[in-house]
Amino acid sequence: MSQRVSLASGVRICQDVLSRDLQGEEVILDLNTGVYFGLDQVGTRIWQLIREHRSLQQALDSMLQEYEVTKAQCTHDLLCFVTQMADKGLVEVRNGEDT
């Protein structure tokens, strides 16, 4: 069920998903399932970048400026995070041919 996610993908938070920052960590509620998710500091930052409607490439560029991490590791972590969120139905991934 995994969608192909790349740095060229566009990502948007699904309509039936609510989130709130609680002391620096994002808490997400899927209204369709009633399931809560909690994100750590890095996951929270990625979520914020997605909420700002940035492309994954722009999110990567921001994260590379903010965190001491290699480009390869940051790219891997970002793409894995988005894939997991898409698999849980929390975000929608739009690839170049879909936009």
PDB file of N, CA and C in Angstrom:
ATOM      1  N   MET A   1       0.814  -1.196   0.000  1.00  0.00           N
ATOM      2  CA  MET A   1       0.000   0.000   0.000  1.00  0.00           C
ATOM      3  C   MET A   1       0.860   1.263   0.000  1.00  0.00           C
ATOM      4  N   SER A   2       2.158   1.143   0.237  1.00  0.00           N
ATOM      5  CA  SER A   2       3.043   2.296   0.275  1.00  0.00           C
ATOM      6  C   SER A   2       3.059   3.024  -1.057  1.00  0.00           C
ATOM      7  N   GLN A   3       2.979   4.327  -0.986  1.00  0.00           N
ATOM      8  CA  GLN A   3       3.099   5.154  -2.176  1.00  0.00           C
ATOM      9  C   GLN A   3       4.571   5.460  -2.384  1.00  0.00           C
ATOM     10  N   ARG A   4       4.940   5.676  -3.623  1.00  0.00           N
ATOM     11  CA  ARG A   4       6.312   6.057  -3.928  1.00  0.00           C
ATOM     12  C   ARG A   4       6.485   7.514  -3.529  1.00  0.00           C
ATOM     13  N   VAL A   5       7.393   7.766  -2.614  1.00  0.00           N
ATOM     14  CA  VAL A   5       7.647   9.110  -2.118  1.00  0.00           C
ATOM     15  C   VAL A   5       9.057   9.507  -2.534  1.00  0.00           C
ATOM     16  N   SER A   6       9.182  10.710  -3.079  1.00  0.00           N
ATOM     17  CA  SER A   6      10.500  11.228  -3.447  1.00  0.00           C
ATOM     18  C   SER A   6      10.562  12.700  -3.048  1.00  0.00           C
ATOM     19  N   LEU A   7      11.735  13.280  -3.196  1.00  0.00           N
ATOM     20  CA  LEU A   7      11.877  14.700  -2.867  1.00  0.00           C
ATOM     21  C   LEU A   7      11.051  15.581  -3.793  1.00  0.00           C
ATOM     22  N   ALA A   8      10.648  15.043  -4.938  1.00  0.00           N
ATOM     23  CA  ALA A   8       9.799  15.794  -5.872  1.00  0.00           C
ATOM     24  C   ALA A   8       8.325  15.712  -5.494  1.00  0.00           C
ATOM     25  N   SER A   9       7.980  14.868  -4.536  1.00  0.00           N
ATOM     26  CA  SER A   9       6.584  14.685  -4.127  1.00  0.00           C
ATOM     27  C   SER A   9       6.062  15.908  -3.385  1.00  0.00           C
ATOM     28  N   GLY A  10       4.779  16.148  -3.596  1.00  0.00           N
ATOM     29  CA  GLY A  10       4.066  17.122  -2.792  1.00  0.00           C
ATOM     30  C   GLY A  10       3.319  16.358  -1.704  1.00  0.00           C
ATOM     31  N   VAL A  11       3.233  16.932  -0.530  1.00  0.00           N
ATOM     32  CA  VAL A  11       2.576  16.253   0.592  1.00  0.00           C
ATOM     33  C   VAL A  11       1.639  17.236   1.255  1.00  0.00           C
ATOM     34  N   ARG A  12       0.458  16.725   1.605  1.00  0.00           N
ATOM     35  CA  ARG A  12      -0.488  17.574   2.321  1.00  0.00           C
ATOM     36  C   ARG A  12      -1.161  16.742   3.408  1.00  0.00           C
ATOM     37  N   ILE A  13      -1.444  17.397   4.509  1.00  0.00           N
ATOM     38  CA  ILE A  13      -2.110  16.746   5.630  1.00  0.00           C
ATOM     39  C   ILE A  13      -3.559  16.492   5.238  1.00  0.00           C
ATOM     40  N   CYS A  14      -4.044  15.291   5.516  1.00  0.00           N
ATOM     41  CA  CYS A  14      -5.412  14.917   5.163  1.00  0.00           C
ATOM     42  C   CYS A  14      -6.425  15.780   5.920  1.00  0.00           C
ATOM     43  N   GLN A  15      -7.563  15.961   5.315  1.00  0.00           N
ATOM     44  CA  GLN A  15      -8.606  16.837   5.846  1.00  0.00           C
ATOM     45  C   GLN A  15      -9.112  16.378   7.210  1.00  0.00           C
ATOM     46  N   ASP A  16      -9.203  15.087   7.448  1.00  0.00           N
ATOM     47  CA  ASP A  16      -9.751  14.560   8.700  1.00  0.00           C
ATOM     48  C   ASP A  16      -8.684  14.306   9.755  1.00  0.00           C
ATOM     49  N   VAL A  17      -7.609  15.072   9.697  1.00  0.00           N
ATOM     50  CA  VAL A  17      -6.515  14.927  10.656  1.00  0.00           C
ATOM     51  C   VAL A  17      -6.322  16.258  11.374  1.00  0.00           C
ATOM     52  N   LEU A  18      -6.342  16.196  12.688  1.00  0.00           N
ATOM     53  CA  LEU A  18      -6.096  17.374  13.523  1.00  0.00           C
ATOM     54  C   LEU A  18      -4.767  17.200  14.226  1.00  0.00           C
ATOM     55  N   SER A  19      -4.098  18.316  14.475  1.00  0.00           N
ATOM     56  CA  SER A  19      -2.849  18.232  15.230  1.00  0.00           C
ATOM     57  C   SER A  19      -2.695  19.469  16.097  1.00  0.00           C
ATOM     58  N   ARG A  20      -1.918  19.287  17.140  1.00  0.00           N
ATOM     59  CA  ARG A  20      -1.668  20.367  18.081  1.00  0.00           C
ATOM     60  C   ARG A  20      -0.282  20.198  18.676  1.00  0.00           C
ATOM     61  N   ASP A  21       0.393  21.302  18.864  1.00  0.00           N
ATOM     62  CA  ASP A  21       1.710  21.293  19.492  1.00  0.00           C
ATOM     63  C   ASP A  21       1.519  21.346  21.008  1.00  0.00           C
ATOM     64  N   LEU A  22       2.058  20.365  21.683  1.00  0.00           N
ATOM     65  CA  LEU A  22       2.013  20.315  23.144  1.00  0.00           C
ATOM     66  C   LEU A  22       3.444  20.309  23.673  1.00  0.00           C
ATOM     67  N   GLN A  23       3.882  21.463  24.122  1.00  0.00           N
ATOM     68  CA  GLN A  23       5.210  21.628  24.687  1.00  0.00           C
ATOM     69  C   GLN A  23       6.309  21.131  23.746  1.00  0.00           C
ATOM     70  N   GLY A  24       6.205  21.526  22.476  1.00  0.00           N
ATOM     71  CA  GLY A  24       7.253  21.218  21.510  1.00  0.00           C
ATOM     72  C   GLY A  24       7.121  19.891  20.804  1.00  0.00           C
ATOM     73  N   GLU A  25       6.085  19.129  21.120  1.00  0.00           N
ATOM     74  CA  GLU A  25       5.854  17.863  20.431  1.00  0.00           C
ATOM     75  C   GLU A  25       4.433  17.843  19.880  1.00  0.00           C
ATOM     76  N   GLU A  26       4.316  17.393  18.645  1.00  0.00           N
ATOM     77  CA  GLU A  26       3.026  17.387  17.961  1.00  0.00           C
ATOM     78  C   GLU A  26       2.220  16.144  18.350  1.00  0.00           C
ATOM     79  N   VAL A  27       0.949  16.361  18.619  1.00  0.00           N
ATOM     80  CA  VAL A  27       0.004  15.274  18.856  1.00  0.00           C
ATOM     81  C   VAL A  27      -0.997  15.323  17.718  1.00  0.00           C
ATOM     82  N   ILE A  28      -1.209  14.175  17.075  1.00  0.00           N
ATOM     83  CA  ILE A  28      -2.050  14.095  15.885  1.00  0.00           C
ATOM     84  C   ILE A  28      -3.238  13.192  16.175  1.00  0.00           C
ATOM     85  N   LEU A  29      -4.413  13.615  15.750  1.00  0.00           N
ATOM     86  CA  LEU A  29      -5.623  12.816  15.900  1.00  0.00           C
ATOM     87  C   LEU A  29      -6.204  12.551  14.524  1.00  0.00           C
ATOM     88  N   ASP A  30      -6.370  11.276  14.194  1.00  0.00           N
ATOM     89  CA  ASP A  30      -7.054  10.878  12.973  1.00  0.00           C
ATOM     90  C   ASP A  30      -8.531  10.759  13.309  1.00  0.00           C
ATOM     91  N   LEU A  31      -9.335  11.680  12.812  1.00  0.00           N
ATOM     92  CA  LEU A  31     -10.761  11.699  13.131  1.00  0.00           C
ATOM     93  C   LEU A  31     -11.500  10.488  12.570  1.00  0.00           C
ATOM     94  N   ASN A  32     -10.979   9.886  11.512  1.00  0.00           N
ATOM     95  CA  ASN A  32     -11.619   8.707  10.923  1.00  0.00           C
ATOM     96  C   ASN A  32     -11.494   7.480  11.820  1.00  0.00           C
ATOM     97  N   THR A  33     -10.362   7.343  12.490  1.00  0.00           N
ATOM     98  CA  THR A  33     -10.123   6.144  13.299  1.00  0.00           C
ATOM     99  C   THR A  33     -10.154   6.426  14.800  1.00  0.00           C
ATOM    100  N   GLY A  34     -10.022   7.691  15.189  1.00  0.00           N
ATOM    101  CA  GLY A  34      -9.957   8.029  16.601  1.00  0.00           C
ATOM    102  C   GLY A  34      -8.602   7.741  17.221  1.00  0.00           C
ATOM    103  N   VAL A  35      -7.611   7.459  16.396  1.00  0.00           N
ATOM    104  CA  VAL A  35      -6.280   7.099  16.892  1.00  0.00           C
ATOM    105  C   VAL A  35      -5.420   8.357  17.018  1.00  0.00           C
ATOM    106  N   TYR A  36      -4.720   8.450  18.152  1.00  0.00           N
ATOM    107  CA  TYR A  36      -3.775   9.531  18.407  1.00  0.00           C
ATOM    108  C   TYR A  36      -2.370   9.074  18.059  1.00  0.00           C
ATOM    109  N   PHE A  37      -1.567  10.002  17.592  1.00  0.00           N
ATOM    110  CA  PHE A  37      -0.157   9.751  17.327  1.00  0.00           C
ATOM    111  C   PHE A  37       0.643  10.861  17.986  1.00  0.00           C
ATOM    112  N   GLY A  38       1.777  10.536  18.540  1.00  0.00           N
ATOM    113  CA  GLY A  38       2.676  11.531  19.115  1.00  0.00           C
ATOM    114  C   GLY A  38       3.979  11.546  18.347  1.00  0.00           C
ATOM    115  N   LEU A  39       4.492  12.736  18.078  1.00  0.00           N
ATOM    116  CA  LEU A  39       5.732  12.872  17.336  1.00  0.00           C
ATOM    117  C   LEU A  39       6.829  13.427  18.227  1.00  0.00           C
ATOM    118  N   ASP A  40       8.046  12.972  17.991  1.00  0.00           N
ATOM    119  CA  ASP A  40       9.185  13.536  18.711  1.00  0.00           C
ATOM    120  C   ASP A  40       9.555  14.879  18.091  1.00  0.00           C
ATOM    121  N   GLN A  41      10.632  15.470  18.543  1.00  0.00           N
ATOM    122  CA  GLN A  41      11.009  16.809  18.099  1.00  0.00           C
ATOM    123  C   GLN A  41      11.252  16.872  16.586  1.00  0.00           C
ATOM    124  N   VAL A  42      11.948  15.902  16.035  1.00  0.00           N
ATOM    125  CA  VAL A  42      12.237  15.916  14.599  1.00  0.00           C
ATOM    126  C   VAL A  42      10.968  15.655  13.797  1.00  0.00           C
ATOM    127  N   GLY A  43      10.165  14.692  14.219  1.00  0.00           N
ATOM    128  CA  GLY A  43       8.900  14.429  13.550  1.00  0.00           C
ATOM    129  C   GLY A  43       7.996  15.651  13.589  1.00  0.00           C
ATOM    130  N   THR A  44       7.997  16.345  14.712  1.00  0.00           N
ATOM    131  CA  THR A  44       7.215  17.572  14.847  1.00  0.00           C
ATOM    132  C   THR A  44       7.673  18.617  13.845  1.00  0.00           C
ATOM    133  N   ARG A  45       8.983  18.753  13.680  1.00  0.00           N
ATOM    134  CA  ARG A  45       9.495  19.743  12.719  1.00  0.00           C
ATOM    135  C   ARG A  45       9.089  19.384  11.291  1.00  0.00           C
ATOM    136  N   ILE A  46       9.176  18.101  10.931  1.00  0.00           N
ATOM    137  CA  ILE A  46       8.758  17.675   9.596  1.00  0.00           C
ATOM    138  C   ILE A  46       7.276  17.979   9.404  1.00  0.00           C
ATOM    139  N   TRP A  47       6.470  17.672  10.411  1.00  0.00           N
ATOM    140  CA  TRP A  47       5.025  17.927  10.332  1.00  0.00           C
ATOM    141  C   TRP A  47       4.761  19.410  10.100  1.00  0.00           C
ATOM    142  N   GLN A  48       5.493  20.273  10.815  1.00  0.00           N
ATOM    143  CA  GLN A  48       5.330  21.721  10.643  1.00  0.00           C
ATOM    144  C   GLN A  48       5.670  22.139   9.219  1.00  0.00           C
ATOM    145  N   LEU A  49       6.740  21.579   8.671  1.00  0.00           N
ATOM    146  CA  LEU A  49       7.143  21.918   7.309  1.00  0.00           C
ATOM    147  C   LEU A  49       6.094  21.456   6.296  1.00  0.00           C
ATOM    148  N   ILE A  50       5.505  20.282   6.534  1.00  0.00           N
ATOM    149  CA  ILE A  50       4.434  19.793   5.660  1.00  0.00           C
ATOM    150  C   ILE A  50       3.221  20.720   5.759  1.00  0.00           C
ATOM    151  N   ARG A  51       2.901  21.124   6.982  1.00  0.00           N
ATOM    152  CA  ARG A  51       1.748  22.011   7.194  1.00  0.00           C
ATOM    153  C   ARG A  51       1.940  23.353   6.478  1.00  0.00           C
ATOM    154  N   GLU A  52       3.185  23.783   6.339  1.00  0.00           N
ATOM    155  CA  GLU A  52       3.482  25.037   5.637  1.00  0.00           C
ATOM    156  C   GLU A  52       3.424  24.862   4.114  1.00  0.00           C
ATOM    157  N   HIS A  53       3.024  23.676   3.670  1.00  0.00           N
ATOM    158  CA  HIS A  53       2.877  23.364   2.242  1.00  0.00           C
ATOM    159  C   HIS A  53       4.197  23.455   1.491  1.00  0.00           C
ATOM    160  N   ARG A  54       5.263  23.084   2.168  1.00  0.00           N
ATOM    161  CA  ARG A  54       6.555  23.061   1.493  1.00  0.00           C
ATOM    162  C   ARG A  54       6.718  21.746   0.754  1.00  0.00           C
ATOM    163  N   SER A  55       7.469  21.787  -0.320  1.00  0.00           N
ATOM    164  CA  SER A  55       7.804  20.544  -1.009  1.00  0.00           C
ATOM    165  C   SER A  55       8.766  19.758  -0.117  1.00  0.00           C
ATOM    166  N   LEU A  56       8.897  18.484  -0.391  1.00  0.00           N
ATOM    167  CA  LEU A  56       9.827  17.687   0.403  1.00  0.00           C
ATOM    168  C   LEU A  56      11.261  18.161   0.193  1.00  0.00           C
ATOM    169  N   GLN A  57      11.572  18.654  -0.996  1.00  0.00           N
ATOM    170  CA  GLN A  57      12.915  19.199  -1.219  1.00  0.00           C
ATOM    171  C   GLN A  57      13.137  20.423  -0.333  1.00  0.00           C
ATOM    172  N   GLN A  58      12.138  21.294  -0.237  1.00  0.00           N
ATOM    173  CA  GLN A  58      12.259  22.469   0.629  1.00  0.00           C
ATOM    174  C   GLN A  58      12.352  22.057   2.092  1.00  0.00           C
ATOM    175  N   ALA A  59      11.586  21.037   2.483  1.00  0.00           N
ATOM    176  CA  ALA A  59      11.660  20.542   3.858  1.00  0.00           C
ATOM    177  C   ALA A  59      13.055  20.009   4.147  1.00  0.00           C
ATOM    178  N   LEU A  60      13.614  19.262   3.204  1.00  0.00           N
ATOM    179  CA  LEU A  60      14.971  18.733   3.378  1.00  0.00           C
ATOM    180  C   LEU A  60      15.967  19.877   3.530  1.00  0.00           C
ATOM    181  N   ASP A  61      15.875  20.873   2.668  1.00  0.00           N
ATOM    182  CA  ASP A  61      16.798  22.010   2.743  1.00  0.00           C
ATOM    183  C   ASP A  61      16.715  22.701   4.105  1.00  0.00           C
ATOM    184  N   SER A  62      15.509  22.891   4.615  1.00  0.00           N
ATOM    185  CA  SER A  62      15.335  23.511   5.936  1.00  0.00           C
ATOM    186  C   SER A  62      15.949  22.654   7.030  1.00  0.00           C
ATOM    187  N   MET A  63      15.689  21.359   6.959  1.00  0.00           N
ATOM    188  CA  MET A  63      16.197  20.468   8.003  1.00  0.00           C
ATOM    189  C   MET A  63      17.724  20.399   7.993  1.00  0.00           C
ATOM    190  N   LEU A  64      18.323  20.433   6.810  1.00  0.00           N
ATOM    191  CA  LEU A  64      19.781  20.402   6.727  1.00  0.00           C
ATOM    192  C   LEU A  64      20.393  21.648   7.345  1.00  0.00           C
ATOM    193  N   GLN A  65      19.675  22.767   7.302  1.00  0.00           N
ATOM    194  CA  GLN A  65      20.154  23.998   7.935  1.00  0.00           C
ATOM    195  C   GLN A  65      19.961  23.961   9.450  1.00  0.00           C
ATOM    196  N   GLU A  66      18.953  23.248   9.918  1.00  0.00           N
ATOM    197  CA  GLU A  66      18.591  23.257  11.330  1.00  0.00           C
ATOM    198  C   GLU A  66      19.249  22.146  12.157  1.00  0.00           C
ATOM    199  N   TYR A  67      19.594  21.037  11.516  1.00  0.00           N
ATOM    200  CA  TYR A  67      20.114  19.875  12.243  1.00  0.00           C
ATOM    201  C   TYR A  67      21.481  19.484  11.710  1.00  0.00           C
ATOM    202  N   GLU A  68      22.303  18.965  12.585  1.00  0.00           N
ATOM    203  CA  GLU A  68      23.601  18.439  12.182  1.00  0.00           C
ATOM    204  C   GLU A  68      23.405  16.991  11.759  1.00  0.00           C
ATOM    205  N   VAL A  69      23.220  16.794  10.456  1.00  0.00           N
ATOM    206  CA  VAL A  69      22.927  15.479   9.901  1.00  0.00           C
ATOM    207  C   VAL A  69      23.414  15.475   8.455  1.00  0.00           C
ATOM    208  N   THR A  70      23.808  14.308   7.977  1.00  0.00           N
ATOM    209  CA  THR A  70      24.227  14.226   6.580  1.00  0.00           C
ATOM    210  C   THR A  70      23.000  14.320   5.679  1.00  0.00           C
ATOM    211  N   LYS A  71      23.223  14.758   4.459  1.00  0.00           N
ATOM    212  CA  LYS A  71      22.127  14.867   3.496  1.00  0.00           C
ATOM    213  C   LYS A  71      21.507  13.497   3.245  1.00  0.00           C
ATOM    214  N   ALA A  72      22.345  12.467   3.136  1.00  0.00           N
ATOM    215  CA  ALA A  72      21.836  11.112   2.876  1.00  0.00           C
ATOM    216  C   ALA A  72      20.946  10.629   4.014  1.00  0.00           C
ATOM    217  N   GLN A  73      21.379  10.827   5.253  1.00  0.00           N
ATOM    218  CA  GLN A  73      20.595  10.372   6.407  1.00  0.00           C
ATOM    219  C   GLN A  73      19.304  11.167   6.531  1.00  0.00           C
ATOM    220  N   CYS A  74      19.385  12.476   6.323  1.00  0.00           N
ATOM    221  CA  CYS A  74      18.203  13.323   6.441  1.00  0.00           C
ATOM    222  C   CYS A  74      17.182  12.974   5.354  1.00  0.00           C
ATOM    223  N   THR A  75      17.662  12.744   4.141  1.00  0.00           N
ATOM    224  CA  THR A  75      16.768  12.362   3.042  1.00  0.00           C
ATOM    225  C   THR A  75      16.067  11.051   3.364  1.00  0.00           C
ATOM    226  N   HIS A  76      16.816  10.074   3.821  1.00  0.00           N
ATOM    227  CA  HIS A  76      16.255   8.765   4.179  1.00  0.00           C
ATOM    228  C   HIS A  76      15.191   8.916   5.261  1.00  0.00           C
ATOM    229  N   ASP A  77      15.524   9.641   6.327  1.00  0.00           N
ATOM    230  CA  ASP A  77      14.594   9.801   7.443  1.00  0.00           C
ATOM    231  C   ASP A  77      13.331  10.547   7.021  1.00  0.00           C
ATOM    232  N   LEU A  78      13.482  11.590   6.212  1.00  0.00           N
ATOM    233  CA  LEU A  78      12.338  12.367   5.747  1.00  0.00           C
ATOM    234  C   LEU A  78      11.407  11.515   4.894  1.00  0.00           C
ATOM    235  N   LEU A  79      11.964  10.793   3.939  1.00  0.00           N
ATOM    236  CA  LEU A  79      11.143   9.973   3.052  1.00  0.00           C
ATOM    237  C   LEU A  79      10.469   8.831   3.806  1.00  0.00           C
ATOM    238  N   CYS A  80      11.172   8.237   4.762  1.00  0.00           N
ATOM    239  CA  CYS A  80      10.569   7.170   5.583  1.00  0.00           C
ATOM    240  C   CYS A  80       9.425   7.720   6.431  1.00  0.00           C
ATOM    241  N   PHE A  81       9.625   8.878   7.033  1.00  0.00           N
ATOM    242  CA  PHE A  81       8.594   9.501   7.857  1.00  0.00           C
ATOM    243  C   PHE A  81       7.334   9.760   7.033  1.00  0.00           C
ATOM    244  N   VAL A  82       7.491  10.371   5.868  1.00  0.00           N
ATOM    245  CA  VAL A  82       6.344  10.697   5.021  1.00  0.00           C
ATOM    246  C   VAL A  82       5.649   9.424   4.553  1.00  0.00           C
ATOM    247  N   THR A  83       6.414   8.407   4.202  1.00  0.00           N
ATOM    248  CA  THR A  83       5.827   7.130   3.790  1.00  0.00           C
ATOM    249  C   THR A  83       4.993   6.533   4.917  1.00  0.00           C
ATOM    250  N   GLN A  84       5.509   6.566   6.144  1.00  0.00           N
ATOM    251  CA  GLN A  84       4.771   6.030   7.289  1.00  0.00           C
ATOM    252  C   GLN A  84       3.497   6.823   7.542  1.00  0.00           C
ATOM    253  N   MET A  85       3.574   8.139   7.431  1.00  0.00           N
ATOM    254  CA  MET A  85       2.388   8.980   7.638  1.00  0.00           C
ATOM    255  C   MET A  85       1.352   8.711   6.548  1.00  0.00           C
ATOM    256  N   ALA A  86       1.807   8.510   5.311  1.00  0.00           N
ATOM    257  CA  ALA A  86       0.886   8.200   4.207  1.00  0.00           C
ATOM    258  C   ALA A  86       0.240   6.838   4.425  1.00  0.00           C
ATOM    259  N   ASP A  87       1.020   5.860   4.862  1.00  0.00           N
ATOM    260  CA  ASP A  87       0.480   4.523   5.109  1.00  0.00           C
ATOM    261  C   ASP A  87      -0.574   4.536   6.212  1.00  0.00           C
ATOM    262  N   LYS A  88      -0.463   5.454   7.156  1.00  0.00           N
ATOM    263  CA  LYS A  88      -1.435   5.572   8.250  1.00  0.00           C
ATOM    264  C   LYS A  88      -2.630   6.444   7.842  1.00  0.00           C
ATOM    265  N   GLY A  89      -2.583   7.001   6.633  1.00  0.00           N
ATOM    266  CA  GLY A  89      -3.682   7.830   6.148  1.00  0.00           C
ATOM    267  C   GLY A  89      -3.688   9.237   6.710  1.00  0.00           C
ATOM    268  N   LEU A  90      -2.547   9.713   7.189  1.00  0.00           N
ATOM    269  CA  LEU A  90      -2.476  11.034   7.790  1.00  0.00           C
ATOM    270  C   LEU A  90      -2.089  12.121   6.799  1.00  0.00           C
ATOM    271  N   VAL A  91      -1.391  11.730   5.735  1.00  0.00           N
ATOM    272  CA  VAL A  91      -1.007  12.680   4.694  1.00  0.00           C
ATOM    273  C   VAL A  91      -1.306  12.088   3.324  1.00  0.00           C
ATOM    274  N   GLU A  92      -1.451  12.976   2.357  1.00  0.00           N
ATOM    275  CA  GLU A  92      -1.633  12.577   0.970  1.00  0.00           C
ATOM    276  C   GLU A  92      -0.376  12.952   0.212  1.00  0.00           C
ATOM    277  N   VAL A  93       0.125  12.023  -0.568  1.00  0.00           N
ATOM    278  CA  VAL A  93       1.335  12.255  -1.365  1.00  0.00           C
ATOM    279  C   VAL A  93       0.914  12.454  -2.809  1.00  0.00           C
ATOM    280  N   ARG A  94       1.413  13.525  -3.396  1.00  0.00           N
ATOM    281  CA  ARG A  94       1.156  13.810  -4.807  1.00  0.00           C
ATOM    282  C   ARG A  94       2.496  13.845  -5.509  1.00  0.00           C
ATOM    283  N   ASN A  95       2.662  12.963  -6.457  1.00  0.00           N
ATOM    284  CA  ASN A  95       3.895  12.927  -7.228  1.00  0.00           C
ATOM    285  C   ASN A  95       3.748  13.828  -8.439  1.00  0.00           C
ATOM    286  N   GLY A  96       4.866  14.130  -9.078  1.00  0.00           N
ATOM    287  CA  GLY A  96       4.899  15.082 -10.192  1.00  0.00           C
ATOM    288  C   GLY A  96       3.833  14.841 -11.234  1.00  0.00           C
ATOM    289  N   GLU A  97       3.609  13.578 -11.573  1.00  0.00           N
ATOM    290  CA  GLU A  97       2.618  13.299 -12.613  1.00  0.00           C
ATOM    291  C   GLU A  97       1.191  13.481 -12.120  1.00  0.00           C
ATOM    292  N   ASP A  98       0.999  13.578 -10.796  1.00  0.00           N
ATOM    293  CA  ASP A  98      -0.342  13.720 -10.232  1.00  0.00           C
ATOM    294  C   ASP A  98      -0.721  15.169  -9.981  1.00  0.00           C
ATOM    295  N   THR A  99       0.226  16.091 -10.080  1.00  0.00           N
ATOM    296  CA  THR A  99      -0.067  17.475  -9.713  1.00  0.00           C
ATOM    297  C   THR A  99      -0.450  18.303 -10.897  1.00  0.00           C
TER     298      THR A  99
END
